[in-house]
Amino acid sequence: MPARLVHIPGDRAPRDPPGPHDSASAASPSAVLEDSHAGSPPDSATASASSDAVRGDSPTANALPASLPGEKDRTATTAAPVDAPGDLRSAGPPAHAAEVHATSAPARPVPEAIHASSSAAARDGAPARPVPEDIHPAASPAAGDAIPVPEDIHPAASPAAGDALPVPEDIRSAASPAAGDGAAPPVPEDIYAVSTPPSQPVSADTPPSPATDTEPAPDDLAVPRPDLPPGHVWPVPAGRHVLERIAGGPLVRARLSGHAPSSMLYKTGGFCLRTRLEWRFGDDERGRAALREHVRRAARLGPLLPADTAVALAVGAGDHVLWHIVPDLPALGAELRTAAGPERPHQLVRLASAYATALRLGAREGLALDLEAHAFAEQDGRWVYLGDRLGEPMPAPALLDALLRPPAGPLAAWLDALDQVLPTVLTRDDVATLGLAGALASSEAAPEARLRALLERCA
C-alpha cells in the first residue's frame, strides 16, 4: 500500500519552547533576593519539597509585598524564596538601624529573573521560608519594656520612641530546625554553658587579658564581606551597610577586657568583630544553623542591641566563620576604671543600672547575658550589650555571685549602687523568675542579707 502524505498546515506555528528564565529559575533555588519580604514559615512537609519538582497543577503561591531597595535596572517581583530557612520569622532588623540607612540606599527593584522563579515556586506550591536577613519586625516592644536612662546618671538624652528594638514574642524558646535543614548542631552559647562553669565577672580594675596563642591569625579566618550570599547577613539592609563600612580594612587583634576567654576580638573601622573557635564550621548548612539560632537570640535583646549591629556568616575556602559585629563603644567598665575617686559612685550606679536591665531581660525573655563591667556601654542615651554571649538562663547561684562581686572598689559601695537601681527596675515577679529570693533565703551573711532586703522592696 503506498505511503500517504499528511499535509501540515503552514500557518500552524510551533509551540514556543520554555524560556531561559523558566528553566533556570525552576532548577535553581538560589535566586532568592535577600531583601524581599518573607512569607509564612512552611510546615515540615512543604519545607522538604525539592526545588526542581515542578507541578503544573499546584496552587499559586501568595504574592509578596512590593519591591525593596535594589539596583536601578531591576523590576518588582512577587517571588517567594524557595531555599530560605523558616524558623526566624520574627527576628527583624533593628528599627533604629533601618531608619539610619533608609535614605542612604536608592530604591532597588528585584531582577526580572525572579519572575520566572516566582512562577516555578507557584507551581511547586511551596510556601516561602524567610532568610534571617529578610525578616522584618513582628512587633515593637511595649513602652514599658525599654528601661529609661536616669537623668541623674547619664548625660545623654533618652532614646526616641522609634529607637526601641523589636523583641519577638514568638521566639522565647529555640525553635526546632526546618525539616530540610536536618539535625541542628549544638548551639555554641549552650555548649559553653554546659561544658564550663558560668564565667565569673571580672573587676573593672583588672587589666585586659592578652590574646592566647591558640587563636588563629586574622588572615586564617574567613572575614565578613558585603557580597556575602543571601541568608548570611542580618539584619537587612543595615547589616550589609555595616559590612560595607568595614570592607577592606585590616583586622587588628584586640586585647579582651573581661569577656569570656573563648571569644576572639578584632577591631577595624570603628567596629568590634567577635568570633569564637566553636563558631568555625566546615560546611555552610551547619554555619547557617548556628547563624539562625544566634540571630533569634540577638533579636531578643530589644533595646539592649546596639545600633549598627551585624551578624554575618563569612564564607571562605572550606571554612565558614560566624561573626558578631558591634560598634567600638567605650565600655562602662573602662570608664569606671579610669574614673577619679569622687566619680566612682556615679559610675557604679551606671553599671548597676545596666545590670538591672540585663536581669530584667533574663527574667522576661529567658536570655542570659554576661554580667561583667566590660560587656555594657551607653549609646544614644540607653544601655547596650557589647558581648556576643547570648545563653540560656543562668542558675540563681551564678547570678548572686555576679551581683555580689564588686566590679571595682569595696563591696559596700557596689551594694549602695544596686540599692538605688534594682528596686525601681525589677518586679517581684522578675525576682521570683530569676530564683534570687529562694537562693538568698537561707543565707545569713551580711552582703546576702542586704541584697535580700533591697530585692524585697521591688514592687
Protein backbone atom coordinates (compact mmCIF):
# COMPACT_ATOMS: atom_id res chain seq x y z
CA MET A 1 0.00 0.00 0.00
CA PRO A 2 1.60 3.35 -0.96
CA ALA A 3 2.50 5.68 1.87
CA ARG A 4 0.15 8.55 2.49
CA LEU A 5 1.48 12.04 2.73
CA VAL A 6 -0.01 14.03 5.58
CA HIS A 7 -0.25 17.74 4.95
CA ILE A 8 0.66 20.00 7.88
CA PRO A 9 -0.89 23.44 7.58
CA GLY A 10 1.78 26.06 7.16
CA ASP A 11 0.03 28.61 9.36
CA ARG A 12 0.30 26.47 12.47
CA ALA A 13 3.17 27.94 14.50
CA PRO A 14 5.31 25.59 16.52
CA ARG A 15 4.85 25.68 20.24
CA ASP A 16 7.23 28.06 21.94
CA PRO A 17 9.97 26.31 23.88
CA PRO A 18 10.39 27.26 27.53
CA GLY A 19 12.43 30.39 28.00
CA PRO A 20 15.72 30.51 29.85
CA HIS A 21 14.12 32.23 32.81
CA ASP A 22 11.66 29.38 33.30
CA SER A 23 14.19 26.60 33.16
CA ALA A 24 16.92 28.34 35.13
CA SER A 25 14.77 29.53 37.98
CA ALA A 26 12.89 26.28 38.28
CA ALA A 27 16.13 24.40 38.71
CA SER A 28 17.99 26.91 40.87
CA PRO A 29 16.58 27.83 44.30
CA SER A 30 19.43 30.25 44.83
CA ALA A 31 17.62 33.11 43.11
CA VAL A 32 16.30 34.39 46.41
CA LEU A 33 16.58 38.12 46.84
CA GLU A 34 17.87 38.84 50.30
CA ASP A 35 15.81 41.97 50.91
CA SER A 36 12.40 40.68 49.87
CA HIS A 37 9.66 40.40 52.45
CA ALA A 38 9.37 36.88 53.83
CA GLY A 39 6.18 34.90 53.92
CA SER A 40 4.88 32.48 56.49
CA PRO A 41 7.14 29.62 57.56
CA PRO A 42 6.31 26.29 55.93
CA ASP A 43 5.27 23.13 57.61
CA SER A 44 7.59 20.13 57.63
CA ALA A 45 6.05 18.60 54.51
CA THR A 46 6.46 21.61 52.26
CA ALA A 47 9.83 22.51 53.76
CA SER A 48 11.34 19.31 52.39
CA ALA A 49 9.92 19.69 48.88
CA SER A 50 12.60 19.71 46.18
CA SER A 51 13.02 22.97 44.31
CA ASP A 52 13.07 21.20 40.94
CA ALA A 53 9.86 19.19 41.42
CA VAL A 54 7.59 21.40 39.30
CA ARG A 55 3.91 20.57 39.13
CA GLY A 56 1.60 22.49 36.85
CA ASP A 57 -1.50 21.84 38.93
CA SER A 58 -0.17 23.30 42.17
CA PRO A 59 -1.93 26.34 43.64
CA THR A 60 -0.46 29.74 43.03
CA ALA A 61 1.91 31.00 45.73
CA ASN A 62 0.89 34.02 47.72
CA ALA A 63 2.19 37.27 46.30
CA LEU A 64 4.74 39.19 48.33
CA PRO A 65 4.73 42.92 49.07
CA ALA A 66 6.22 45.49 46.76
CA SER A 67 9.91 45.63 45.99
CA LEU A 68 12.54 46.71 48.46
CA PRO A 69 15.74 48.68 47.78
CA GLY A 70 17.81 47.31 44.90
CA GLU A 71 19.66 48.19 41.70
CA LYS A 72 18.04 50.54 39.23
CA ASP A 73 17.85 48.03 36.38
CA ARG A 74 15.59 45.62 38.20
CA THR A 75 11.83 45.29 38.33
CA ALA A 76 9.42 44.44 41.15
CA THR A 77 8.70 40.83 41.89
CA THR A 78 6.31 38.61 43.72
CA ALA A 79 8.84 35.84 44.11
CA ALA A 80 8.70 33.64 47.15
CA PRO A 81 12.09 32.38 48.37
CA VAL A 82 12.50 28.67 47.90
CA ASP A 83 15.55 27.86 49.99
CA ALA A 84 15.13 30.23 52.90
CA PRO A 85 15.01 28.95 56.47
CA GLY A 86 11.60 29.22 58.05
CA ASP A 87 12.30 29.49 61.75
CA LEU A 88 13.25 33.17 62.10
CA ARG A 89 10.03 34.91 61.18
CA SER A 90 10.23 37.45 63.99
CA ALA A 91 13.95 38.13 64.13
CA GLY A 92 13.54 41.50 62.48
CA PRO A 93 16.11 44.14 61.67
CA PRO A 94 16.73 46.81 64.31
CA ALA A 95 14.22 49.60 63.84
CA HIS A 96 16.70 52.36 64.50
CA ALA A 97 19.29 50.83 62.17
CA ALA A 98 16.76 50.71 59.37
CA GLU A 99 15.91 54.36 59.95
CA VAL A 100 19.54 55.41 59.85
CA HIS A 101 20.13 53.81 56.48
CA ALA A 102 16.70 54.34 54.94
CA THR A 103 17.85 57.34 52.93
CA SER A 104 21.32 56.08 52.10
CA ALA A 105 20.29 53.47 49.53
CA PRO A 106 18.11 54.13 46.44
CA ALA A 107 15.01 52.08 45.85
CA ARG A 108 16.07 48.83 44.20
CA PRO A 109 13.52 46.66 42.41
CA VAL A 110 14.07 42.93 42.10
CA PRO A 111 15.67 41.31 38.99
CA GLU A 112 13.46 40.12 36.17
CA ALA A 113 14.86 36.64 36.55
CA ILE A 114 12.94 36.31 39.78
CA HIS A 115 9.65 36.48 37.82
CA ALA A 116 10.37 33.04 36.44
CA SER A 117 11.40 31.84 39.87
CA SER A 118 8.08 33.06 41.24
CA SER A 119 6.26 31.00 38.59
CA ALA A 120 8.22 27.90 39.50
CA ALA A 121 7.59 28.48 43.19
CA ALA A 122 3.89 28.95 42.46
CA ARG A 123 3.75 25.65 40.57
CA ASP A 124 5.58 23.94 43.40
CA GLY A 125 3.03 25.25 45.85
CA ALA A 126 5.80 25.58 48.47
CA PRO A 127 5.25 28.46 50.89
CA ALA A 128 8.03 30.98 51.37
CA ARG A 129 10.67 30.33 54.01
CA PRO A 130 12.32 33.53 55.26
CA VAL A 131 16.06 34.04 55.28
CA PRO A 132 17.36 35.52 58.59
CA GLU A 133 18.20 38.82 56.92
CA ASP A 134 14.87 39.04 55.12
CA ILE A 135 12.83 39.31 58.26
CA HIS A 136 11.08 42.41 59.42
CA PRO A 137 9.89 43.14 62.95
CA ALA A 138 6.78 41.28 64.01
CA ALA A 139 6.03 43.71 66.81
CA SER A 140 7.56 46.60 68.65
CA PRO A 141 8.25 46.20 72.35
CA ALA A 142 5.87 47.68 74.82
CA ALA A 143 6.76 51.13 76.00
CA GLY A 144 7.42 49.78 79.46
CA ASP A 145 10.00 47.28 78.25
CA ALA A 146 12.68 49.85 77.47
CA ILE A 147 14.39 50.99 80.64
CA PRO A 148 14.72 54.78 80.57
CA VAL A 149 18.12 56.25 81.23
CA PRO A 150 18.03 58.08 84.56
CA GLU A 151 18.73 61.76 84.02
CA ASP A 152 20.87 61.91 87.13
CA ILE A 153 23.03 59.04 85.92
CA HIS A 154 23.53 59.68 82.20
CA PRO A 155 24.33 62.91 80.42
CA ALA A 156 22.82 61.60 77.19
CA ALA A 157 19.20 62.16 76.23
CA SER A 158 16.62 59.44 76.43
CA PRO A 159 16.21 57.47 73.20
CA ALA A 160 13.45 58.32 70.78
CA ALA A 161 10.39 56.14 70.70
CA GLY A 162 11.47 54.61 67.42
CA ASP A 163 14.84 53.52 68.81
CA ALA A 164 13.47 50.61 70.78
CA LEU A 165 14.24 47.37 69.02
CA PRO A 166 11.71 44.62 68.45
CA VAL A 167 11.53 41.83 70.95
CA PRO A 168 9.86 38.99 69.00
CA GLU A 169 7.15 37.32 71.02
CA ASP A 170 7.26 34.02 69.17
CA ILE A 171 10.89 33.13 69.80
CA ARG A 172 11.06 32.85 73.56
CA SER A 173 12.30 29.32 73.16
CA ALA A 174 14.59 27.92 70.50
CA ALA A 175 12.56 26.58 67.61
CA SER A 176 13.31 23.23 66.06
CA PRO A 177 15.11 23.32 62.72
CA ALA A 178 13.18 23.15 59.49
CA ALA A 179 12.71 19.70 58.04
CA GLY A 180 15.04 20.43 55.18
CA ASP A 181 17.87 21.51 57.45
CA GLY A 182 18.45 18.16 59.11
CA ALA A 183 19.65 17.91 62.68
CA ALA A 184 20.82 21.25 64.01
CA PRO A 185 24.26 21.38 65.62
CA PRO A 186 24.52 22.24 69.31
CA VAL A 187 24.11 25.93 69.99
CA PRO A 188 27.52 27.50 70.73
CA GLU A 189 26.17 29.52 73.66
CA ASP A 190 24.78 26.38 75.26
CA ILE A 191 27.96 24.40 74.65
CA TYR A 192 29.88 26.87 76.76
CA ALA A 193 27.26 26.90 79.48
CA VAL A 194 27.27 23.10 79.80
CA SER A 195 30.95 22.35 79.36
CA THR A 196 32.33 25.04 81.66
CA PRO A 197 31.03 26.86 84.72
CA PRO A 198 29.50 30.30 84.22
CA SER A 199 32.05 33.00 83.58
CA GLN A 200 32.91 34.99 86.67
CA PRO A 201 32.51 38.75 86.48
CA VAL A 202 35.85 40.48 86.04
CA SER A 203 36.69 43.55 88.04
CA ALA A 204 36.89 46.77 86.10
CA ASP A 205 40.30 47.30 87.70
CA THR A 206 41.62 44.11 86.12
CA PRO A 207 43.78 44.88 83.06
CA PRO A 208 42.71 43.38 79.73
CA SER A 209 43.88 39.84 79.14
CA PRO A 210 46.25 39.20 76.23
CA ALA A 211 45.20 37.13 73.25
CA THR A 212 46.07 33.46 73.51
CA ASP A 213 48.44 31.72 71.15
CA THR A 214 45.74 29.25 70.15
CA GLU A 215 43.70 31.94 68.40
CA PRO A 216 44.00 31.91 64.62
CA ALA A 217 45.54 34.88 62.89
CA PRO A 218 43.12 37.22 61.07
CA ASP A 219 44.49 36.02 57.74
CA ASP A 220 43.46 32.46 58.62
CA LEU A 221 39.81 33.39 59.16
CA ALA A 222 37.06 33.93 56.61
CA VAL A 223 36.14 37.59 57.06
CA PRO A 224 32.67 39.08 56.51
CA ARG A 225 32.30 40.87 53.17
CA PRO A 226 29.44 42.97 51.76
CA ASP A 227 28.95 40.49 48.90
CA LEU A 228 28.06 37.52 51.11
CA PRO A 229 25.25 35.34 49.72
CA PRO A 230 21.63 35.88 50.80
CA GLY A 231 20.86 34.35 54.15
CA HIS A 232 24.34 35.06 55.52
CA VAL A 233 23.88 38.58 56.94
CA TRP A 234 21.45 40.04 59.50
CA PRO A 235 19.71 42.46 59.59
CA VAL A 236 18.70 43.81 56.17
CA PRO A 237 19.67 46.25 54.91
CA ALA A 238 21.58 47.60 57.90
CA GLY A 239 23.82 44.54 58.21
CA ARG A 240 25.28 44.95 54.75
CA HIS A 241 25.76 48.66 55.35
CA VAL A 242 27.94 47.74 58.32
CA LEU A 243 29.94 45.27 56.21
CA GLU A 244 30.43 47.96 53.57
CA ARG A 245 31.84 50.32 56.19
CA ILE A 246 34.46 47.82 57.36
CA ALA A 247 35.24 46.30 53.95
CA GLY A 248 38.91 46.34 53.02
CA GLY A 249 40.11 47.38 56.46
CA PRO A 250 42.72 45.26 58.24
CA LEU A 251 41.52 43.17 61.17
CA VAL A 252 43.57 44.11 64.21
CA ARG A 253 43.54 41.65 67.08
CA ALA A 254 42.43 43.41 70.25
CA ARG A 255 43.01 42.51 73.85
CA LEU A 256 39.98 41.19 75.67
CA SER A 257 38.67 43.17 78.62
CA GLY A 258 36.85 40.79 80.89
CA HIS A 259 34.95 38.85 78.25
CA ALA A 260 34.75 35.07 78.17
CA PRO A 261 38.12 33.55 77.25
CA SER A 262 36.63 31.65 74.31
CA SER A 263 35.83 34.90 72.48
CA MET A 264 38.21 36.35 69.91
CA LEU A 265 38.10 40.10 69.43
CA TYR A 266 39.25 42.07 66.40
CA LYS A 267 38.78 45.74 65.54
CA THR A 268 38.58 47.66 62.29
CA GLY A 269 36.86 50.79 61.01
CA GLY A 270 35.31 51.74 64.35
CA PHE A 271 33.75 48.30 64.92
CA CYS A 272 34.46 45.30 67.14
CA LEU A 273 34.24 41.89 65.47
CA ARG A 274 33.86 38.90 67.75
CA THR A 275 34.01 35.23 66.94
CA ARG A 276 34.99 32.02 68.72
CA LEU A 277 36.73 28.78 67.95
CA GLU A 278 33.40 26.94 68.10
CA TRP A 279 31.98 29.38 65.55
CA ARG A 280 34.08 27.89 62.74
CA PHE A 281 32.25 25.38 60.58
CA GLY A 282 33.30 23.08 57.79
CA ASP A 283 30.10 23.41 55.77
CA ASP A 284 27.50 26.04 55.02
CA GLU A 285 24.50 24.21 56.48
CA ARG A 286 25.95 23.93 59.98
CA GLY A 287 27.11 27.52 59.81
CA ARG A 288 23.69 28.80 58.77
CA ALA A 289 22.01 26.77 61.50
CA ALA A 290 24.24 28.49 64.08
CA LEU A 291 23.56 31.85 62.41
CA ARG A 292 19.80 31.37 62.66
CA GLU A 293 19.98 30.43 66.32
CA HIS A 294 22.24 33.37 67.18
CA VAL A 295 20.01 35.80 65.28
CA ARG A 296 16.94 34.58 67.17
CA ARG A 297 18.68 35.34 70.43
CA ALA A 298 20.17 38.65 69.31
CA ALA A 299 16.73 39.90 68.25
CA ARG A 300 15.50 39.28 71.79
CA LEU A 301 17.97 41.82 73.16
CA GLY A 302 15.47 44.54 72.27
CA PRO A 303 16.75 47.97 73.37
CA LEU A 304 19.99 46.38 74.60
CA LEU A 305 21.02 45.61 71.00
CA PRO A 306 23.40 48.36 69.81
CA ALA A 307 22.61 50.31 66.69
CA ASP A 308 24.73 49.22 63.72
CA THR A 309 24.95 45.63 64.92
CA ALA A 310 25.52 42.93 62.32
CA VAL A 311 25.66 39.14 62.43
CA ALA A 312 27.35 37.51 59.46
CA LEU A 313 28.44 34.06 58.35
CA ALA A 314 31.65 34.61 56.40
CA VAL A 315 32.41 32.09 53.67
CA GLY A 316 35.96 31.03 52.90
CA ALA A 317 37.75 28.14 51.24
CA GLY A 318 36.30 25.25 53.22
CA ASP A 319 35.78 27.48 56.24
CA HIS A 320 32.65 29.25 57.47
CA VAL A 321 33.01 31.68 60.38
CA LEU A 322 30.19 33.31 62.36
CA TRP A 323 30.85 36.92 63.36
CA HIS A 324 29.07 39.18 65.86
CA ILE A 325 29.81 42.83 64.99
CA VAL A 326 29.05 45.86 67.18
CA PRO A 327 30.29 49.46 67.24
CA ASP A 328 33.50 50.08 69.15
CA LEU A 329 31.90 51.90 72.09
CA PRO A 330 33.61 52.75 75.40
CA ALA A 331 32.60 50.06 77.86
CA LEU A 332 31.21 51.04 81.25
CA GLY A 333 34.00 49.02 82.85
CA ALA A 334 36.64 51.08 81.07
CA GLU A 335 35.01 54.33 82.17
CA LEU A 336 34.78 53.01 85.72
CA ARG A 337 38.45 52.01 85.71
CA THR A 338 39.60 55.46 84.58
CA ALA A 339 37.20 57.44 86.78
CA ALA A 340 38.62 59.54 89.58
CA GLY A 341 37.74 58.63 93.14
CA PRO A 342 34.84 61.10 93.55
CA GLU A 343 33.34 59.94 90.25
CA ARG A 344 33.34 56.24 91.06
CA PRO A 345 29.98 56.13 92.90
CA HIS A 346 28.33 57.70 89.86
CA GLN A 347 29.98 55.17 87.54
CA LEU A 348 28.92 52.30 89.81
CA VAL A 349 25.30 53.43 89.62
CA ARG A 350 25.51 53.49 85.81
CA LEU A 351 26.84 49.94 85.76
CA ALA A 352 24.23 48.79 88.29
CA SER A 353 21.51 50.21 86.03
CA ALA A 354 22.89 48.25 83.07
CA TYR A 355 22.99 45.07 85.17
CA ALA A 356 19.37 45.64 86.21
CA THR A 357 18.38 45.95 82.55
CA ALA A 358 20.09 42.66 81.78
CA LEU A 359 18.47 40.93 84.75
CA ARG A 360 15.02 42.08 83.70
CA LEU A 361 15.66 40.82 80.18
CA GLY A 362 16.75 37.46 81.59
CA ALA A 363 13.60 37.20 83.68
CA ARG A 364 11.22 38.11 80.86
CA GLU A 365 12.97 36.71 77.79
CA GLY A 366 14.94 33.82 79.25
CA LEU A 367 18.17 35.23 77.83
CA ALA A 368 21.31 35.31 79.96
CA LEU A 369 23.99 37.93 79.34
CA ASP A 370 27.47 38.32 80.76
CA LEU A 371 27.11 40.35 83.94
CA GLU A 372 30.50 42.00 83.81
CA ALA A 373 31.61 45.58 83.54
CA HIS A 374 33.10 45.45 80.04
CA ALA A 375 30.03 43.89 78.42
CA PHE A 376 27.89 47.06 78.56
CA ALA A 377 28.07 50.57 77.17
CA GLU A 378 25.88 53.62 76.71
CA GLN A 379 24.65 54.51 73.22
CA ASP A 380 22.16 57.26 72.40
CA GLY A 381 21.02 57.53 76.00
CA ARG A 382 20.38 53.84 76.60
CA TRP A 383 22.31 50.82 77.82
CA VAL A 384 23.53 48.40 75.16
CA TYR A 385 25.15 44.99 75.36
CA LEU A 386 28.53 44.65 73.66
CA GLY A 387 29.03 40.96 74.28
CA ASP A 388 28.33 38.09 71.92
CA ARG A 389 27.31 35.55 74.56
CA LEU A 390 23.54 35.07 74.47
CA GLY A 391 22.86 31.98 76.52
CA GLU A 392 20.14 30.20 78.41
CA PRO A 393 19.11 31.50 81.86
CA MET A 394 21.85 31.33 84.45
CA PRO A 395 21.24 29.46 87.70
CA ALA A 396 20.47 31.65 90.68
CA PRO A 397 23.79 30.98 92.47
CA ALA A 398 25.70 32.25 89.43
CA LEU A 399 23.55 35.40 89.32
CA LEU A 400 24.12 36.03 93.01
CA ASP A 401 27.85 35.57 92.58
CA ALA A 402 27.82 38.19 89.80
CA LEU A 403 25.74 40.64 91.84
CA LEU A 404 27.85 40.25 94.97
CA ARG A 405 31.21 40.61 93.22
CA PRO A 406 32.05 44.33 93.10
CA PRO A 407 33.31 45.48 89.69
CA ALA A 408 35.62 47.95 91.43
CA GLY A 409 36.22 49.17 94.95
CA PRO A 410 34.62 47.87 98.14
CA LEU A 411 31.52 45.69 98.15
CA ALA A 412 29.61 48.20 100.29
CA ALA A 413 29.87 50.87 97.58
CA TRP A 414 28.62 48.41 94.95
CA LEU A 415 25.67 47.39 97.13
CA ASP A 416 24.84 51.09 97.56
CA ALA A 417 24.65 51.39 93.77
CA LEU A 418 22.46 48.30 93.44
CA ASP A 419 20.21 49.66 96.18
CA GLN A 420 19.49 52.75 94.06
CA VAL A 421 18.57 50.80 90.94
CA LEU A 422 17.29 47.25 91.44
CA PRO A 423 14.07 48.07 93.37
CA THR A 424 12.99 50.53 90.66
CA VAL A 425 13.72 48.26 87.69
CA LEU A 426 12.86 44.72 88.78
CA THR A 427 9.48 43.50 89.96
CA ARG A 428 8.77 40.76 92.46
CA ASP A 429 7.82 38.51 89.59
CA ASP A 430 11.21 39.18 87.99
CA VAL A 431 12.99 38.31 91.23
CA ALA A 432 10.96 35.11 91.57
CA THR A 433 11.59 34.09 87.96
CA LEU A 434 15.32 34.55 88.41
CA GLY A 435 15.22 32.48 91.60
CA LEU A 436 17.06 35.12 93.60
CA ALA A 437 14.72 35.18 96.59
CA GLY A 438 14.97 31.44 97.13
CA ALA A 439 18.73 31.44 96.77
CA LEU A 440 19.06 34.21 99.37
CA ALA A 441 16.53 32.84 101.83
CA SER A 442 18.88 30.63 103.83
CA SER A 443 21.92 32.92 103.83
CA GLU A 444 22.79 34.85 106.98
CA ALA A 445 25.87 36.65 105.66
CA ALA A 446 25.70 40.44 105.76
CA PRO A 447 26.07 41.08 102.00
CA GLU A 448 23.42 38.49 101.15
CA ALA A 449 21.11 39.88 103.82
CA ARG A 450 21.39 43.38 102.41
CA LEU A 451 20.79 42.17 98.85
CA ARG A 452 17.74 40.23 100.05
CA ALA A 453 16.40 43.34 101.80
CA LEU A 454 16.72 45.55 98.74
CA LEU A 455 15.12 42.92 96.47
CA GLU A 456 12.18 42.72 98.87
CA ARG A 457 11.47 46.37 98.02
CA CYS A 458 10.77 45.50 94.39
CA ALA A 459 7.15 46.29 93.54
